[in-house]
N, C-alpha and C. Protein backbone atom coordinates (compact mmCIF):
# COMPACT_ATOMS: atom_id res chain seq x y z
N MET A 1 13.45 33.34 34.11
CA MET A 1 13.89 32.91 35.42
C MET A 1 13.32 31.56 35.79
N PHE A 2 12.01 31.43 35.63
CA PHE A 2 11.38 30.17 35.97
C PHE A 2 11.24 29.33 34.71
N ARG A 3 11.79 28.16 34.74
CA ARG A 3 11.69 27.26 33.60
C ARG A 3 10.83 26.07 33.96
N LYS A 4 10.01 25.70 33.04
CA LYS A 4 9.19 24.52 33.25
C LYS A 4 10.06 23.29 33.05
N ASN A 5 9.73 22.26 33.80
CA ASN A 5 10.43 21.00 33.62
C ASN A 5 9.87 20.33 32.37
N GLN A 6 10.60 20.40 31.29
CA GLN A 6 10.13 19.80 30.06
C GLN A 6 10.97 18.57 29.74
N LYS A 7 10.27 17.56 29.25
CA LYS A 7 10.97 16.34 28.86
C LYS A 7 11.56 16.53 27.48
N SER A 8 12.64 15.85 27.25
CA SER A 8 13.24 15.90 25.91
C SER A 8 12.35 15.13 24.95
N ASN A 9 12.58 15.34 23.67
CA ASN A 9 11.80 14.64 22.65
C ASN A 9 11.95 13.13 22.80
N ARG A 10 13.14 12.69 23.13
CA ARG A 10 13.38 11.25 23.29
C ARG A 10 12.60 10.69 24.47
N GLN A 11 12.57 11.45 25.58
CA GLN A 11 11.82 10.99 26.75
C GLN A 11 10.32 10.94 26.44
N GLN A 12 9.83 11.96 25.74
CA GLN A 12 8.43 11.97 25.36
C GLN A 12 8.11 10.79 24.44
N TYR A 13 9.01 10.51 23.51
CA TYR A 13 8.83 9.38 22.61
C TYR A 13 8.81 8.07 23.39
N ASP A 14 9.73 7.91 24.32
CA ASP A 14 9.78 6.69 25.13
C ASP A 14 8.52 6.53 25.97
N ASP A 15 8.03 7.63 26.55
CA ASP A 15 6.80 7.57 27.33
C ASP A 15 5.62 7.15 26.47
N LEU A 16 5.55 7.70 25.28
CA LEU A 16 4.48 7.35 24.37
C LEU A 16 4.57 5.88 23.97
N GLU A 17 5.77 5.41 23.69
CA GLU A 17 5.96 4.00 23.35
C GLU A 17 5.50 3.09 24.48
N GLN A 18 5.83 3.46 25.72
CA GLN A 18 5.41 2.66 26.87
C GLN A 18 3.89 2.61 26.98
N GLN A 19 3.26 3.77 26.78
CA GLN A 19 1.80 3.82 26.86
C GLN A 19 1.17 2.98 25.76
N LEU A 20 1.72 3.06 24.55
CA LEU A 20 1.17 2.27 23.44
C LEU A 20 1.39 0.78 23.67
N ASN A 21 2.53 0.41 24.20
CA ASN A 21 2.81 -1.00 24.44
C ASN A 21 1.93 -1.57 25.55
N SER A 22 1.45 -0.72 26.45
CA SER A 22 0.62 -1.21 27.55
C SER A 22 -0.84 -1.39 27.13
N LEU A 23 -1.22 -0.87 25.96
CA LEU A 23 -2.60 -1.01 25.49
C LEU A 23 -2.86 -2.44 25.03
N PRO A 24 -4.07 -2.92 25.25
CA PRO A 24 -4.39 -4.29 24.77
C PRO A 24 -4.53 -4.29 23.24
N ILE A 25 -4.26 -5.43 22.65
CA ILE A 25 -4.39 -5.59 21.21
C ILE A 25 -5.79 -6.11 20.93
N PHE A 26 -6.51 -5.36 20.10
CA PHE A 26 -7.87 -5.74 19.76
C PHE A 26 -7.87 -6.51 18.45
N GLU A 27 -8.65 -7.56 18.41
CA GLU A 27 -8.77 -8.37 17.21
C GLU A 27 -10.25 -8.57 16.93
N PRO A 28 -10.61 -8.72 15.67
CA PRO A 28 -12.03 -8.97 15.35
C PRO A 28 -12.44 -10.36 15.83
N SER A 29 -13.74 -10.53 15.95
CA SER A 29 -14.22 -11.84 16.40
C SER A 29 -13.86 -12.91 15.37
N SER A 30 -13.93 -14.14 15.80
CA SER A 30 -13.54 -15.25 14.91
C SER A 30 -14.52 -15.41 13.75
N SER A 31 -15.75 -14.95 13.91
CA SER A 31 -16.74 -15.08 12.85
C SER A 31 -16.83 -13.83 11.97
N PHE A 32 -15.94 -12.87 12.16
CA PHE A 32 -16.01 -11.61 11.43
C PHE A 32 -15.93 -11.82 9.91
N VAL A 33 -14.94 -12.58 9.45
CA VAL A 33 -14.76 -12.80 8.02
C VAL A 33 -15.97 -13.53 7.43
N ASP A 34 -16.46 -14.52 8.14
CA ASP A 34 -17.62 -15.26 7.66
C ASP A 34 -18.85 -14.35 7.57
N ASP A 35 -19.03 -13.48 8.58
CA ASP A 35 -20.17 -12.56 8.56
C ASP A 35 -20.08 -11.59 7.39
N VAL A 36 -18.90 -11.08 7.13
CA VAL A 36 -18.71 -10.15 6.01
C VAL A 36 -18.99 -10.86 4.69
N MET A 37 -18.46 -12.04 4.51
CA MET A 37 -18.68 -12.79 3.27
C MET A 37 -20.16 -13.13 3.10
N HIS A 38 -20.82 -13.52 4.17
CA HIS A 38 -22.24 -13.85 4.11
C HIS A 38 -23.05 -12.62 3.71
N HIS A 39 -22.73 -11.48 4.29
CA HIS A 39 -23.43 -10.23 3.96
C HIS A 39 -23.17 -9.82 2.52
N THR A 40 -21.96 -10.01 2.05
CA THR A 40 -21.60 -9.65 0.67
C THR A 40 -22.37 -10.50 -0.32
N ILE A 41 -22.52 -11.76 -0.04
CA ILE A 41 -23.25 -12.67 -0.94
C ILE A 41 -24.72 -12.26 -1.02
N LYS A 42 -25.29 -11.79 0.11
CA LYS A 42 -26.70 -11.43 0.16
C LYS A 42 -27.03 -10.16 -0.63
N MET A 43 -26.05 -9.33 -0.85
CA MET A 43 -26.33 -8.04 -1.50
C MET A 43 -26.84 -8.24 -2.92
N ASP A 44 -27.86 -7.47 -3.27
CA ASP A 44 -28.39 -7.51 -4.64
C ASP A 44 -27.58 -6.59 -5.54
N ALA A 45 -27.66 -6.81 -6.82
CA ALA A 45 -26.99 -5.94 -7.78
C ALA A 45 -27.61 -4.55 -7.75
N ASN A 46 -28.90 -4.45 -7.41
CA ASN A 46 -29.58 -3.16 -7.34
C ASN A 46 -29.12 -2.32 -6.16
N ASN A 47 -28.67 -2.95 -5.09
CA ASN A 47 -28.27 -2.24 -3.88
C ASN A 47 -26.82 -1.80 -3.90
N LYS A 48 -26.09 -2.17 -4.92
CA LYS A 48 -24.68 -1.80 -4.98
C LYS A 48 -24.54 -0.31 -5.18
N VAL A 49 -23.54 0.27 -4.56
CA VAL A 49 -23.30 1.71 -4.63
C VAL A 49 -22.15 1.96 -5.58
N ASN A 50 -22.31 2.94 -6.43
CA ASN A 50 -21.23 3.31 -7.33
C ASN A 50 -20.22 4.14 -6.55
N ILE A 51 -19.14 3.49 -6.12
CA ILE A 51 -18.13 4.14 -5.29
C ILE A 51 -17.48 5.31 -6.02
N HIS A 52 -17.21 5.13 -7.30
CA HIS A 52 -16.55 6.19 -8.07
C HIS A 52 -17.42 7.45 -8.09
N LYS A 53 -18.73 7.26 -8.28
CA LYS A 53 -19.64 8.41 -8.33
C LYS A 53 -19.68 9.10 -6.97
N GLN A 54 -19.72 8.34 -5.90
CA GLN A 54 -19.73 8.92 -4.55
C GLN A 54 -18.44 9.70 -4.30
N PHE A 55 -17.31 9.12 -4.68
CA PHE A 55 -16.02 9.78 -4.47
C PHE A 55 -15.96 11.07 -5.26
N LYS A 56 -16.45 11.03 -6.50
CA LYS A 56 -16.42 12.22 -7.35
C LYS A 56 -17.28 13.32 -6.75
N GLN A 57 -18.45 12.98 -6.23
CA GLN A 57 -19.33 13.97 -5.63
C GLN A 57 -18.70 14.57 -4.38
N SER A 58 -18.11 13.75 -3.54
CA SER A 58 -17.48 14.28 -2.32
C SER A 58 -16.26 15.11 -2.68
N ASN A 59 -15.56 14.73 -3.74
CA ASN A 59 -14.40 15.48 -4.20
C ASN A 59 -14.83 16.87 -4.68
N GLU A 60 -15.94 16.94 -5.39
CA GLU A 60 -16.45 18.22 -5.87
C GLU A 60 -16.85 19.11 -4.70
N VAL A 61 -17.45 18.52 -3.68
CA VAL A 61 -17.84 19.29 -2.50
C VAL A 61 -16.61 19.87 -1.82
N ILE A 62 -15.56 19.08 -1.71
CA ILE A 62 -14.32 19.57 -1.10
C ILE A 62 -13.75 20.73 -1.91
N HIS A 63 -13.76 20.62 -3.23
CA HIS A 63 -13.24 21.71 -4.08
C HIS A 63 -14.08 22.97 -3.92
N ILE A 64 -15.39 22.83 -3.83
CA ILE A 64 -16.26 23.99 -3.64
C ILE A 64 -15.98 24.66 -2.30
N ILE A 65 -15.78 23.87 -1.26
CA ILE A 65 -15.50 24.42 0.06
C ILE A 65 -14.17 25.18 0.05
N ILE A 66 -13.15 24.60 -0.57
CA ILE A 66 -11.84 25.25 -0.63
C ILE A 66 -11.92 26.55 -1.43
N ALA A 67 -12.62 26.52 -2.57
CA ALA A 67 -12.75 27.73 -3.39
C ALA A 67 -13.53 28.81 -2.64
N SER A 68 -14.56 28.42 -1.92
CA SER A 68 -15.34 29.39 -1.14
C SER A 68 -14.49 30.00 -0.03
N ALA A 69 -13.72 29.16 0.65
CA ALA A 69 -12.86 29.67 1.72
C ALA A 69 -11.82 30.63 1.17
N ALA A 70 -11.21 30.28 0.03
CA ALA A 70 -10.19 31.16 -0.55
C ALA A 70 -10.82 32.49 -0.97
N THR A 71 -12.00 32.44 -1.57
CA THR A 71 -12.68 33.69 -1.96
C THR A 71 -13.00 34.53 -0.73
N TYR A 72 -13.47 33.89 0.33
CA TYR A 72 -13.77 34.61 1.57
C TYR A 72 -12.51 35.28 2.12
N PHE A 73 -11.39 34.55 2.13
CA PHE A 73 -10.15 35.12 2.65
C PHE A 73 -9.70 36.32 1.82
N PHE A 74 -9.78 36.20 0.50
CA PHE A 74 -9.35 37.30 -0.36
C PHE A 74 -10.24 38.53 -0.16
N ILE A 75 -11.55 38.31 -0.06
CA ILE A 75 -12.46 39.44 0.13
C ILE A 75 -12.26 40.05 1.51
N SER A 76 -12.13 39.22 2.55
CA SER A 76 -11.98 39.74 3.91
C SER A 76 -10.67 40.50 4.08
N GLU A 77 -9.65 40.12 3.37
CA GLU A 77 -8.38 40.83 3.44
C GLU A 77 -8.36 42.05 2.52
N GLY A 78 -9.37 42.21 1.71
CA GLY A 78 -9.45 43.35 0.83
C GLY A 78 -8.47 43.29 -0.32
N ILE A 79 -8.15 42.10 -0.75
CA ILE A 79 -7.13 41.95 -1.80
C ILE A 79 -7.61 42.51 -3.14
N PHE A 80 -8.91 42.39 -3.43
CA PHE A 80 -9.40 42.88 -4.71
C PHE A 80 -9.36 44.40 -4.77
N SER A 81 -9.82 45.06 -3.69
CA SER A 81 -9.78 46.53 -3.67
C SER A 81 -8.34 47.02 -3.66
N THR A 82 -7.46 46.28 -3.02
CA THR A 82 -6.05 46.67 -2.99
C THR A 82 -5.46 46.61 -4.40
N PHE A 83 -5.81 45.60 -5.18
CA PHE A 83 -5.31 45.51 -6.55
C PHE A 83 -5.79 46.68 -7.39
N LEU A 84 -7.02 47.10 -7.16
CA LEU A 84 -7.57 48.21 -7.94
C LEU A 84 -6.95 49.55 -7.56
N GLN A 85 -6.53 49.71 -6.32
CA GLN A 85 -6.02 50.99 -5.84
C GLN A 85 -4.50 51.05 -5.75
N MET A 86 -3.81 50.08 -6.28
CA MET A 86 -2.36 50.01 -6.13
C MET A 86 -1.63 51.05 -6.95
N ASN A 87 -0.55 51.52 -6.37
CA ASN A 87 0.39 52.40 -7.06
C ASN A 87 1.37 51.48 -7.80
N PRO A 88 1.53 51.66 -9.11
CA PRO A 88 2.41 50.75 -9.86
C PRO A 88 3.84 50.68 -9.32
N GLU A 89 4.31 51.77 -8.71
CA GLU A 89 5.68 51.77 -8.18
C GLU A 89 5.80 50.89 -6.93
N GLN A 90 4.70 50.76 -6.21
CA GLN A 90 4.73 49.96 -4.99
C GLN A 90 4.01 48.62 -5.17
N PHE A 91 3.81 48.24 -6.40
CA PHE A 91 3.01 47.06 -6.71
C PHE A 91 3.51 45.80 -6.01
N SER A 92 4.80 45.50 -6.16
CA SER A 92 5.30 44.23 -5.61
C SER A 92 5.22 44.21 -4.09
N MET A 93 5.48 45.33 -3.44
CA MET A 93 5.44 45.35 -1.97
C MET A 93 4.00 45.21 -1.47
N GLU A 94 3.06 45.87 -2.13
CA GLU A 94 1.67 45.77 -1.71
C GLU A 94 1.12 44.36 -1.95
N VAL A 95 1.49 43.75 -3.07
CA VAL A 95 1.06 42.38 -3.34
C VAL A 95 1.61 41.45 -2.27
N HIS A 96 2.89 41.63 -1.95
CA HIS A 96 3.52 40.79 -0.94
C HIS A 96 2.81 40.95 0.41
N ASP A 97 2.55 42.18 0.82
CA ASP A 97 1.89 42.42 2.10
C ASP A 97 0.47 41.85 2.13
N THR A 98 -0.26 42.05 1.04
CA THR A 98 -1.64 41.58 0.98
C THR A 98 -1.72 40.06 0.99
N VAL A 99 -0.88 39.44 0.18
CA VAL A 99 -0.89 37.97 0.14
C VAL A 99 -0.41 37.40 1.47
N ASN A 100 0.60 38.01 2.06
CA ASN A 100 1.08 37.57 3.36
C ASN A 100 -0.02 37.67 4.41
N GLY A 101 -0.78 38.78 4.38
CA GLY A 101 -1.90 38.94 5.31
C GLY A 101 -2.96 37.89 5.10
N ALA A 102 -3.27 37.60 3.84
CA ALA A 102 -4.28 36.58 3.54
C ALA A 102 -3.83 35.20 4.01
N ILE A 103 -2.57 34.89 3.80
CA ILE A 103 -2.05 33.59 4.22
C ILE A 103 -2.05 33.48 5.75
N THR A 104 -1.66 34.55 6.43
CA THR A 104 -1.66 34.55 7.89
C THR A 104 -3.08 34.37 8.41
N PHE A 105 -4.02 35.12 7.84
CA PHE A 105 -5.41 35.01 8.25
C PHE A 105 -5.93 33.59 8.00
N GLY A 106 -5.59 33.03 6.84
CA GLY A 106 -6.04 31.68 6.50
C GLY A 106 -5.47 30.63 7.43
N SER A 107 -4.19 30.75 7.74
CA SER A 107 -3.58 29.76 8.64
C SER A 107 -4.17 29.85 10.04
N GLU A 108 -4.44 31.07 10.51
CA GLU A 108 -5.07 31.21 11.83
C GLU A 108 -6.48 30.62 11.82
N PHE A 109 -7.21 30.87 10.73
CA PHE A 109 -8.56 30.34 10.61
C PHE A 109 -8.55 28.81 10.61
N PHE A 110 -7.66 28.20 9.82
CA PHE A 110 -7.59 26.75 9.76
C PHE A 110 -7.08 26.15 11.07
N ASN A 111 -6.22 26.87 11.79
CA ASN A 111 -5.79 26.40 13.12
C ASN A 111 -6.98 26.36 14.07
N ILE A 112 -7.81 27.40 14.03
CA ILE A 112 -8.99 27.44 14.90
C ILE A 112 -9.94 26.30 14.53
N ILE A 113 -10.18 26.11 13.24
CA ILE A 113 -11.09 25.06 12.78
C ILE A 113 -10.55 23.68 13.16
N SER A 114 -9.24 23.46 12.94
CA SER A 114 -8.68 22.14 13.26
C SER A 114 -8.71 21.88 14.76
N THR A 115 -8.52 22.94 15.57
CA THR A 115 -8.61 22.78 17.02
C THR A 115 -10.02 22.39 17.43
N LYS A 116 -11.01 23.06 16.84
CA LYS A 116 -12.41 22.75 17.16
C LYS A 116 -12.75 21.32 16.74
N ILE A 117 -12.29 20.92 15.56
CA ILE A 117 -12.58 19.57 15.08
C ILE A 117 -11.93 18.53 15.99
N SER A 118 -10.69 18.78 16.39
CA SER A 118 -10.01 17.81 17.27
C SER A 118 -10.70 17.74 18.63
N GLN A 119 -11.24 18.88 19.12
CA GLN A 119 -11.97 18.86 20.38
C GLN A 119 -13.23 18.05 20.25
N ILE A 120 -13.92 18.20 19.12
CA ILE A 120 -15.16 17.46 18.90
C ILE A 120 -14.86 15.97 18.78
N VAL A 121 -13.81 15.62 18.04
CA VAL A 121 -13.45 14.21 17.84
C VAL A 121 -13.02 13.56 19.14
N ASN A 122 -12.30 14.29 19.98
CA ASN A 122 -11.78 13.73 21.22
C ASN A 122 -12.80 13.64 22.34
N GLN A 123 -14.00 14.18 22.13
CA GLN A 123 -15.03 14.12 23.17
C GLN A 123 -15.66 12.77 23.23
């Protein structure tokens, strides 16, 4: 019965464009490039950081976090015990239900985490 006054996607897009166009354009200071070049020249060979090694280490950490989260989801949904107790005649339906439950749980968990992260970032 009661409908909220909602703007169409086009109106929302136009409003956003207006807001973005009203923002000032920020530019670096005129001495920015000179300062960066001066700092780069001063760096010693000993102080250089191996970017590839840092990226590889952070990549490994991300993989460990993802594997841990997936293991947690599977255990919390009881997928391992379900596999052990399955009736072969109902195998495909139970697998479907269990995996669907794990995916639903995972998506809800990541939605909560992403909401919390966006709240922290926007503060």
